N, C-alpha and C. Protein backbone atom coordinates (compact mmCIF):
# COMPACT_ATOMS: atom_id res chain seq x y z
N MET A 1 75.03 43.82 -32.06
CA MET A 1 74.69 44.93 -31.18
C MET A 1 74.15 44.37 -29.87
N ASN A 2 74.77 44.78 -28.82
CA ASN A 2 74.34 44.37 -27.48
C ASN A 2 73.30 45.40 -26.99
N LEU A 3 72.04 45.06 -27.13
CA LEU A 3 70.96 46.01 -26.79
C LEU A 3 70.87 46.25 -25.29
N LYS A 4 71.22 45.26 -24.49
CA LYS A 4 71.21 45.47 -23.04
C LYS A 4 72.24 46.54 -22.67
N LYS A 5 73.42 46.43 -23.23
CA LYS A 5 74.47 47.42 -22.98
C LYS A 5 74.04 48.80 -23.49
N PHE A 6 73.42 48.82 -24.67
CA PHE A 6 72.92 50.09 -25.22
C PHE A 6 71.91 50.73 -24.26
N ARG A 7 70.95 49.94 -23.77
CA ARG A 7 69.93 50.49 -22.86
C ARG A 7 70.56 51.07 -21.60
N GLU A 8 71.57 50.39 -21.07
CA GLU A 8 72.27 50.89 -19.88
C GLU A 8 72.99 52.20 -20.19
N GLU A 9 73.68 52.25 -21.33
CA GLU A 9 74.39 53.47 -21.72
C GLU A 9 73.40 54.61 -21.97
N ALA A 10 72.30 54.32 -22.64
CA ALA A 10 71.29 55.34 -22.93
C ALA A 10 70.70 55.90 -21.64
N ALA A 11 70.43 55.03 -20.67
CA ALA A 11 69.87 55.48 -19.39
C ALA A 11 70.86 56.39 -18.67
N LYS A 12 72.13 56.06 -18.75
CA LYS A 12 73.17 56.86 -18.09
C LYS A 12 73.37 58.22 -18.77
N LYS A 13 73.28 58.25 -20.08
CA LYS A 13 73.57 59.48 -20.83
C LYS A 13 72.35 60.33 -21.13
N LYS A 14 71.15 59.80 -20.93
CA LYS A 14 69.95 60.51 -21.36
C LYS A 14 69.83 61.90 -20.75
N ARG A 15 70.02 62.04 -19.45
CA ARG A 15 69.83 63.33 -18.80
C ARG A 15 70.78 64.41 -19.35
N PRO A 16 72.10 64.16 -19.41
CA PRO A 16 72.98 65.21 -19.95
C PRO A 16 72.75 65.48 -21.44
N LEU A 17 72.40 64.45 -22.20
CA LEU A 17 72.15 64.67 -23.63
C LEU A 17 70.84 65.41 -23.85
N LYS A 18 69.85 65.13 -23.02
CA LYS A 18 68.59 65.88 -23.09
C LYS A 18 68.84 67.34 -22.75
N ALA A 19 69.65 67.59 -21.72
CA ALA A 19 69.98 68.98 -21.34
C ALA A 19 70.70 69.69 -22.48
N PHE A 20 71.60 68.99 -23.15
CA PHE A 20 72.31 69.56 -24.29
C PHE A 20 71.33 69.94 -25.40
N LEU A 21 70.44 69.02 -25.76
CA LEU A 21 69.48 69.30 -26.83
C LEU A 21 68.52 70.42 -26.44
N THR A 22 68.14 70.49 -25.18
CA THR A 22 67.27 71.57 -24.71
C THR A 22 67.98 72.90 -24.83
N LYS A 23 69.25 72.93 -24.46
CA LYS A 23 70.04 74.16 -24.58
C LYS A 23 70.22 74.53 -26.06
N LEU A 24 70.32 73.50 -26.89
CA LEU A 24 70.48 73.73 -28.33
C LEU A 24 69.24 74.40 -28.92
N ASP A 25 68.11 74.30 -28.24
CA ASP A 25 66.91 75.02 -28.68
C ASP A 25 67.14 76.53 -28.61
N GLU A 26 67.99 76.97 -27.67
CA GLU A 26 68.22 78.39 -27.45
C GLU A 26 69.48 78.91 -28.12
N ILE A 27 70.52 78.08 -28.14
CA ILE A 27 71.82 78.51 -28.69
C ILE A 27 72.19 77.55 -29.82
N VAL A 28 72.13 78.01 -31.04
CA VAL A 28 72.44 77.17 -32.19
C VAL A 28 73.70 77.71 -32.87
N PRO A 29 74.77 76.91 -32.90
CA PRO A 29 75.97 77.36 -33.63
C PRO A 29 75.62 77.71 -35.07
N HIS A 30 76.26 78.74 -35.59
CA HIS A 30 75.93 79.25 -36.92
C HIS A 30 76.13 78.20 -38.02
N ASP A 31 77.06 77.31 -37.83
CA ASP A 31 77.34 76.30 -38.86
C ASP A 31 76.82 74.91 -38.45
N MET A 32 75.74 74.89 -37.72
CA MET A 32 75.19 73.64 -37.20
C MET A 32 74.91 72.60 -38.30
N PRO A 33 74.32 72.97 -39.45
CA PRO A 33 74.09 71.94 -40.48
C PRO A 33 75.38 71.24 -40.91
N LYS A 34 76.45 71.98 -41.04
CA LYS A 34 77.74 71.39 -41.43
C LYS A 34 78.26 70.47 -40.33
N VAL A 35 78.16 70.92 -39.10
CA VAL A 35 78.64 70.13 -37.96
C VAL A 35 77.83 68.82 -37.86
N VAL A 36 76.52 68.91 -37.97
CA VAL A 36 75.66 67.72 -37.89
C VAL A 36 76.04 66.74 -39.00
N ALA A 37 76.20 67.23 -40.22
CA ALA A 37 76.55 66.35 -41.35
C ALA A 37 77.89 65.65 -41.12
N GLU A 38 78.86 66.40 -40.64
CA GLU A 38 80.19 65.80 -40.38
C GLU A 38 80.12 64.74 -39.29
N VAL A 39 79.46 65.07 -38.20
CA VAL A 39 79.38 64.13 -37.07
C VAL A 39 78.53 62.92 -37.46
N ASP A 40 77.44 63.16 -38.16
CA ASP A 40 76.56 62.05 -38.56
C ASP A 40 77.31 61.07 -39.45
N ALA A 41 78.17 61.54 -40.32
CA ALA A 41 78.95 60.65 -41.18
C ALA A 41 79.81 59.69 -40.35
N THR A 42 80.31 60.16 -39.21
CA THR A 42 81.11 59.28 -38.35
C THR A 42 80.25 58.23 -37.68
N VAL A 43 79.01 58.56 -37.41
CA VAL A 43 78.10 57.64 -36.73
C VAL A 43 77.89 56.38 -37.57
N TRP A 44 77.67 56.56 -38.86
CA TRP A 44 77.32 55.43 -39.73
C TRP A 44 78.52 54.55 -40.04
N ARG A 45 79.70 54.99 -39.70
CA ARG A 45 80.87 54.10 -39.80
C ARG A 45 80.88 53.11 -38.63
N ASP A 46 80.18 53.47 -37.54
CA ASP A 46 80.21 52.67 -36.32
C ASP A 46 78.91 51.93 -36.01
N ILE A 47 77.81 52.33 -36.61
CA ILE A 47 76.50 51.74 -36.30
C ILE A 47 75.95 51.04 -37.54
N ASP A 48 75.51 49.80 -37.34
CA ASP A 48 74.89 49.01 -38.41
C ASP A 48 73.46 48.68 -37.98
N CYS A 49 72.51 49.30 -38.60
CA CYS A 49 71.10 49.11 -38.23
C CYS A 49 70.67 47.65 -38.29
N MET A 50 71.22 46.88 -39.20
CA MET A 50 70.79 45.50 -39.34
C MET A 50 71.33 44.59 -38.23
N LYS A 51 72.23 45.12 -37.43
CA LYS A 51 72.68 44.37 -36.26
C LYS A 51 71.91 44.83 -35.01
N CYS A 52 71.00 45.74 -35.20
CA CYS A 52 70.27 46.34 -34.09
C CYS A 52 68.77 46.15 -34.24
N ALA A 53 68.15 46.93 -35.11
CA ALA A 53 66.70 46.92 -35.36
C ALA A 53 65.90 47.24 -34.10
N ASN A 54 66.52 47.94 -33.15
CA ASN A 54 65.81 48.26 -31.91
C ASN A 54 64.60 49.15 -32.17
N CYS A 55 64.68 50.00 -33.19
CA CYS A 55 63.52 50.85 -33.51
C CYS A 55 62.31 49.98 -33.85
N CYS A 56 62.53 48.93 -34.63
CA CYS A 56 61.44 48.04 -35.03
C CYS A 56 60.95 47.17 -33.87
N LYS A 57 61.81 47.00 -32.88
CA LYS A 57 61.47 46.17 -31.73
C LYS A 57 60.74 46.95 -30.64
N THR A 58 60.97 48.27 -30.58
CA THR A 58 60.46 49.04 -29.45
C THR A 58 59.58 50.23 -29.82
N MET A 59 59.46 50.52 -31.11
CA MET A 59 58.68 51.68 -31.54
C MET A 59 57.71 51.24 -32.64
N THR A 60 56.80 52.13 -32.98
CA THR A 60 55.94 51.89 -34.13
C THR A 60 55.97 53.11 -35.03
N PRO A 61 56.02 52.88 -36.34
CA PRO A 61 55.91 54.04 -37.23
C PRO A 61 54.46 54.50 -37.30
N THR A 62 54.28 55.70 -37.81
CA THR A 62 52.96 56.18 -38.17
C THR A 62 52.76 55.80 -39.64
N PHE A 63 51.65 55.17 -39.94
CA PHE A 63 51.34 54.77 -41.31
C PHE A 63 50.44 55.83 -41.93
N THR A 64 50.92 56.50 -42.96
CA THR A 64 50.12 57.49 -43.67
C THR A 64 49.14 56.78 -44.60
N PRO A 65 48.14 57.49 -45.08
CA PRO A 65 47.24 56.86 -46.06
C PRO A 65 48.00 56.32 -47.28
N LYS A 66 49.02 57.05 -47.74
CA LYS A 66 49.83 56.56 -48.88
C LYS A 66 50.57 55.27 -48.51
N ASP A 67 51.11 55.22 -47.28
CA ASP A 67 51.78 54.01 -46.82
C ASP A 67 50.82 52.82 -46.84
N ILE A 68 49.64 53.03 -46.30
CA ILE A 68 48.64 51.96 -46.21
C ILE A 68 48.26 51.46 -47.60
N THR A 69 48.07 52.38 -48.52
CA THR A 69 47.72 52.01 -49.90
C THR A 69 48.85 51.20 -50.54
N ARG A 70 50.07 51.70 -50.41
CA ARG A 70 51.24 51.06 -51.03
C ARG A 70 51.51 49.68 -50.43
N ILE A 71 51.52 49.58 -49.10
CA ILE A 71 51.86 48.33 -48.44
C ILE A 71 50.76 47.29 -48.63
N SER A 72 49.52 47.69 -48.52
CA SER A 72 48.42 46.73 -48.70
C SER A 72 48.42 46.18 -50.13
N ALA A 73 48.69 47.03 -51.12
CA ALA A 73 48.77 46.56 -52.51
C ALA A 73 49.93 45.57 -52.67
N HIS A 74 51.05 45.90 -52.07
CA HIS A 74 52.22 45.02 -52.13
C HIS A 74 51.91 43.64 -51.53
N LEU A 75 51.12 43.62 -50.48
CA LEU A 75 50.77 42.37 -49.80
C LEU A 75 49.54 41.69 -50.42
N GLY A 76 48.93 42.34 -51.42
CA GLY A 76 47.74 41.76 -52.06
C GLY A 76 46.52 41.78 -51.17
N MET A 77 46.42 42.82 -50.35
CA MET A 77 45.30 42.95 -49.42
C MET A 77 44.54 44.24 -49.73
N THR A 78 43.30 44.30 -49.26
CA THR A 78 42.61 45.58 -49.31
C THR A 78 43.18 46.45 -48.19
N LYS A 79 42.99 47.75 -48.32
CA LYS A 79 43.46 48.65 -47.27
C LYS A 79 42.77 48.32 -45.95
N GLN A 80 41.49 48.04 -46.01
CA GLN A 80 40.75 47.73 -44.78
C GLN A 80 41.25 46.44 -44.14
N ALA A 81 41.50 45.43 -44.95
CA ALA A 81 42.01 44.16 -44.41
C ALA A 81 43.39 44.36 -43.77
N PHE A 82 44.21 45.18 -44.40
CA PHE A 82 45.54 45.49 -43.84
C PHE A 82 45.40 46.18 -42.49
N LYS A 83 44.56 47.20 -42.43
CA LYS A 83 44.35 47.91 -41.17
C LYS A 83 43.77 46.98 -40.10
N ASP A 84 42.79 46.20 -40.47
CA ASP A 84 42.16 45.29 -39.51
C ASP A 84 43.16 44.29 -38.94
N LYS A 85 44.04 43.80 -39.78
CA LYS A 85 44.98 42.76 -39.35
C LYS A 85 46.12 43.31 -38.49
N TRP A 86 46.68 44.49 -38.86
CA TRP A 86 47.93 44.91 -38.24
C TRP A 86 47.94 46.28 -37.57
N LEU A 87 46.96 47.12 -37.85
CA LEU A 87 47.04 48.49 -37.35
C LEU A 87 45.93 48.83 -36.37
N LEU A 88 46.20 49.89 -35.63
CA LEU A 88 45.14 50.49 -34.80
C LEU A 88 45.26 52.00 -34.92
N LYS A 89 44.13 52.63 -34.74
CA LYS A 89 44.09 54.09 -34.85
C LYS A 89 44.18 54.68 -33.45
N GLU A 90 45.21 55.49 -33.22
CA GLU A 90 45.38 56.11 -31.91
C GLU A 90 44.25 57.10 -31.67
N GLU A 91 43.66 57.00 -30.51
CA GLU A 91 42.51 57.87 -30.19
C GLU A 91 42.91 59.33 -30.11
N ASP A 92 44.05 59.63 -29.49
CA ASP A 92 44.42 61.03 -29.26
C ASP A 92 44.90 61.74 -30.52
N THR A 93 45.55 61.01 -31.45
CA THR A 93 46.12 61.66 -32.63
C THR A 93 45.41 61.30 -33.92
N GLY A 94 44.72 60.17 -33.92
CA GLY A 94 44.10 59.68 -35.15
C GLY A 94 45.09 59.00 -36.08
N ASP A 95 46.34 58.81 -35.60
CA ASP A 95 47.38 58.17 -36.41
C ASP A 95 47.17 56.66 -36.44
N TRP A 96 47.52 56.05 -37.59
CA TRP A 96 47.53 54.60 -37.72
C TRP A 96 48.90 54.10 -37.32
N VAL A 97 48.94 53.15 -36.37
CA VAL A 97 50.19 52.59 -35.85
C VAL A 97 50.05 51.06 -35.74
N ASN A 98 51.18 50.39 -35.53
CA ASN A 98 51.16 48.94 -35.35
C ASN A 98 50.38 48.56 -34.09
N LYS A 99 49.68 47.44 -34.16
CA LYS A 99 48.97 46.91 -33.00
C LYS A 99 49.95 46.36 -31.98
N LYS A 100 51.09 45.86 -32.44
CA LYS A 100 52.01 45.19 -31.53
C LYS A 100 53.46 45.56 -31.84
N GLN A 101 54.29 45.25 -30.88
CA GLN A 101 55.74 45.38 -31.05
C GLN A 101 56.36 44.07 -30.64
N PRO A 102 57.41 43.62 -31.23
CA PRO A 102 58.09 44.25 -32.36
C PRO A 102 57.20 44.28 -33.61
N CYS A 103 57.65 45.03 -34.57
CA CYS A 103 56.90 45.18 -35.82
C CYS A 103 56.69 43.82 -36.47
N GLN A 104 55.49 43.61 -36.96
CA GLN A 104 55.13 42.35 -37.61
C GLN A 104 55.95 42.08 -38.87
N PHE A 105 56.57 43.10 -39.43
CA PHE A 105 57.33 42.93 -40.66
C PHE A 105 58.83 42.72 -40.41
N LEU A 106 59.24 42.71 -39.15
CA LEU A 106 60.64 42.49 -38.79
C LEU A 106 60.93 40.99 -38.79
N LYS A 107 61.87 40.59 -39.64
CA LYS A 107 62.29 39.19 -39.73
C LYS A 107 63.81 39.14 -39.72
N ASN A 108 64.39 38.52 -38.68
CA ASN A 108 65.85 38.42 -38.56
C ASN A 108 66.54 39.78 -38.66
N ASN A 109 66.00 40.76 -37.93
CA ASN A 109 66.52 42.13 -37.89
C ASN A 109 66.44 42.85 -39.24
N MET A 110 65.62 42.35 -40.14
CA MET A 110 65.45 43.00 -41.44
C MET A 110 63.97 43.20 -41.72
N CYS A 111 63.67 44.26 -42.44
CA CYS A 111 62.29 44.57 -42.80
C CYS A 111 61.87 43.73 -44.00
N SER A 112 60.82 42.96 -43.81
CA SER A 112 60.35 42.09 -44.89
C SER A 112 59.58 42.86 -45.97
N ILE A 113 59.28 44.14 -45.71
CA ILE A 113 58.62 44.98 -46.72
C ILE A 113 59.46 46.22 -47.01
N TYR A 114 60.77 46.07 -46.91
CA TYR A 114 61.69 47.20 -47.00
C TYR A 114 61.42 48.11 -48.20
N GLU A 115 61.19 47.53 -49.36
CA GLU A 115 61.01 48.35 -50.57
C GLU A 115 59.73 49.17 -50.54
N VAL A 116 58.78 48.84 -49.67
CA VAL A 116 57.53 49.60 -49.58
C VAL A 116 57.25 50.06 -48.15
N ARG A 117 58.26 50.05 -47.30
CA ARG A 117 58.10 50.38 -45.88
C ARG A 117 57.48 51.77 -45.70
N PRO A 118 56.91 52.02 -44.52
CA PRO A 118 56.32 53.35 -44.26
C PRO A 118 57.37 54.46 -44.38
N ALA A 119 56.93 55.62 -44.79
CA ALA A 119 57.83 56.77 -44.92
C ALA A 119 58.51 57.07 -43.59
N ASP A 120 57.79 56.91 -42.50
CA ASP A 120 58.35 57.15 -41.17
C ASP A 120 59.58 56.26 -40.94
N CYS A 121 59.52 55.02 -41.38
CA CYS A 121 60.65 54.09 -41.25
C CYS A 121 61.80 54.51 -42.18
N ALA A 122 61.45 54.88 -43.40
CA ALA A 122 62.47 55.26 -44.37
C ALA A 122 63.25 56.49 -43.91
N GLU A 123 62.61 57.37 -43.18
CA GLU A 123 63.26 58.60 -42.72
C GLU A 123 63.98 58.43 -41.38
N PHE A 124 63.67 57.36 -40.64
CA PHE A 124 64.26 57.15 -39.33
C PHE A 124 65.77 56.93 -39.46
N PRO A 125 66.58 57.49 -38.58
CA PRO A 125 66.30 58.17 -37.32
C PRO A 125 66.20 59.69 -37.44
N HIS A 126 65.92 60.18 -38.61
CA HIS A 126 65.60 61.59 -38.84
C HIS A 126 66.80 62.54 -38.66
N HIS A 127 68.01 62.01 -38.74
CA HIS A 127 69.20 62.86 -38.56
C HIS A 127 69.33 63.91 -39.65
N ASN A 128 68.71 63.70 -40.79
CA ASN A 128 68.84 64.64 -41.91
C ASN A 128 67.77 65.73 -41.90
N LYS A 129 66.93 65.77 -40.89
CA LYS A 129 65.90 66.82 -40.80
C LYS A 129 66.57 68.18 -40.65
N LYS A 130 66.00 69.17 -41.30
CA LYS A 130 66.58 70.51 -41.25
C LYS A 130 65.49 71.52 -40.93
N PRO A 131 65.79 72.52 -40.15
CA PRO A 131 67.01 72.62 -39.35
C PRO A 131 66.98 71.61 -38.20
N PHE A 132 68.13 71.05 -37.92
CA PHE A 132 68.30 69.98 -36.94
C PHE A 132 67.66 70.32 -35.59
N ASP A 133 67.88 71.54 -35.13
CA ASP A 133 67.42 71.92 -33.79
C ASP A 133 65.90 71.98 -33.67
N LEU A 134 65.17 71.98 -34.76
CA LEU A 134 63.71 71.95 -34.68
C LEU A 134 63.19 70.56 -34.33
N TYR A 135 64.06 69.56 -34.36
CA TYR A 135 63.66 68.18 -34.10
C TYR A 135 64.26 67.64 -32.81
N ASN A 136 64.66 68.54 -31.92
CA ASN A 136 65.29 68.11 -30.67
C ASN A 136 64.38 67.20 -29.84
N ASP A 137 63.08 67.45 -29.83
CA ASP A 137 62.17 66.58 -29.09
C ASP A 137 62.18 65.16 -29.67
N THR A 138 62.26 65.06 -30.98
CA THR A 138 62.35 63.75 -31.63
C THR A 138 63.63 63.05 -31.20
N PHE A 139 64.73 63.78 -31.20
CA PHE A 139 66.02 63.17 -30.83
C PHE A 139 66.04 62.79 -29.35
N ILE A 140 65.43 63.60 -28.51
CA ILE A 140 65.35 63.26 -27.08
C ILE A 140 64.61 61.94 -26.92
N ASN A 141 63.49 61.79 -27.60
CA ASN A 141 62.72 60.54 -27.54
C ASN A 141 63.53 59.36 -28.07
N ASN A 142 64.27 59.58 -29.14
CA ASN A 142 64.98 58.48 -29.80
C ASN A 142 66.28 58.08 -29.09
N LEU A 143 66.74 58.86 -28.13
CA LEU A 143 67.98 58.53 -27.42
C LEU A 143 67.94 57.12 -26.84
N VAL A 144 66.80 56.70 -26.35
CA VAL A 144 66.70 55.39 -25.70
C VAL A 144 66.25 54.29 -26.66
N HIS A 145 66.00 54.63 -27.91
CA HIS A 145 65.56 53.65 -28.89
C HIS A 145 66.60 53.39 -29.97
N CYS A 146 67.48 54.35 -30.23
CA CYS A 146 68.35 54.27 -31.39
C CYS A 146 69.82 54.53 -31.03
N PRO A 147 70.65 53.50 -31.15
CA PRO A 147 72.08 53.71 -30.89
C PRO A 147 72.71 54.78 -31.79
N ALA A 148 72.22 54.91 -33.01
CA ALA A 148 72.77 55.94 -33.91
C ALA A 148 72.45 57.34 -33.38
N THR A 149 71.24 57.54 -32.89
CA THR A 149 70.88 58.85 -32.34
C THR A 149 71.65 59.13 -31.06
N LEU A 150 71.76 58.15 -30.19
CA LEU A 150 72.54 58.32 -28.97
C LEU A 150 73.98 58.71 -29.31
N THR A 151 74.57 58.02 -30.26
CA THR A 151 75.95 58.30 -30.68
C THR A 151 76.06 59.68 -31.30
N LEU A 152 75.12 60.03 -32.18
CA LEU A 152 75.15 61.34 -32.83
C LEU A 152 75.08 62.46 -31.79
N VAL A 153 74.12 62.40 -30.91
CA VAL A 153 73.92 63.49 -29.94
C VAL A 153 75.11 63.55 -28.98
N ASP A 154 75.62 62.41 -28.57
CA ASP A 154 76.78 62.38 -27.68
C ASP A 154 77.99 63.03 -28.36
N ARG A 155 78.22 62.68 -29.61
CA ARG A 155 79.36 63.27 -30.34
C ARG A 155 79.14 64.75 -30.64
N LEU A 156 77.91 65.12 -30.95
CA LEU A 156 77.62 66.55 -31.18
C LEU A 156 77.87 67.36 -29.91
N LYS A 157 77.42 66.83 -28.79
CA LYS A 157 77.61 67.51 -27.51
C LYS A 157 79.10 67.74 -27.26
N LYS A 158 79.90 66.71 -27.43
CA LYS A 158 81.35 66.85 -27.21
C LYS A 158 81.95 67.89 -28.15
N ARG A 159 81.58 67.83 -29.41
CA ARG A 159 82.15 68.76 -30.39
C ARG A 159 81.72 70.20 -30.12
N VAL A 160 80.45 70.41 -29.88
CA VAL A 160 79.94 71.76 -29.64
C VAL A 160 80.57 72.34 -28.37
N GLU A 161 80.67 71.54 -27.33
CA GLU A 161 81.25 72.03 -26.08
C GLU A 161 82.74 72.34 -26.23
N GLU A 162 83.44 71.63 -27.11
CA GLU A 162 84.87 71.88 -27.34
C GLU A 162 85.10 73.09 -28.24
N GLU A 163 84.27 73.28 -29.23
CA GLU A 163 84.56 74.26 -30.29
C GLU A 163 83.80 75.58 -30.20
N TYR A 164 82.79 75.66 -29.36
CA TYR A 164 81.94 76.84 -29.35
C TYR A 164 81.82 77.43 -27.95
N GLU A 165 81.52 78.74 -27.89
CA GLU A 165 81.15 79.39 -26.63
C GLU A 165 79.86 78.75 -26.19
N TRP A 166 79.90 78.04 -25.16
CA TRP A 166 78.73 77.29 -24.76
C TRP A 166 78.47 77.61 -23.33
């Protein structure tokens, strides 16, 4: 995955894709879940997360209390030692997030704690959230971080504009 090329493409497409998602807040095709599932299936034929890992390089997950308990136990640490070593608490939200980027658990584009990774990571890039249009702000944010999200929204935009009164 050429991340430089991805960043250039994302910068070029962000404005029209953001406008599409914003409009999708108001006009939702009746069969949107079916359309999203069909288009998303095509995305994963073309995108391989292990050749990218840009989410782990440029974003941080939110660590829930369950995540902290599970991961610290897996690493043989106390919850407090785990938080002290790798996390910080965001002042505005109170969320626990990584102190640094890329993620400390990213090794050769793979998660070294994959089997116990945070729920936020396991659910990323959130394409399966329902109803899809309630997560447009998430997708707008992820356009510049995730090639799969950029591809999904770009393909959805083309399909919706071709097939629906838009």
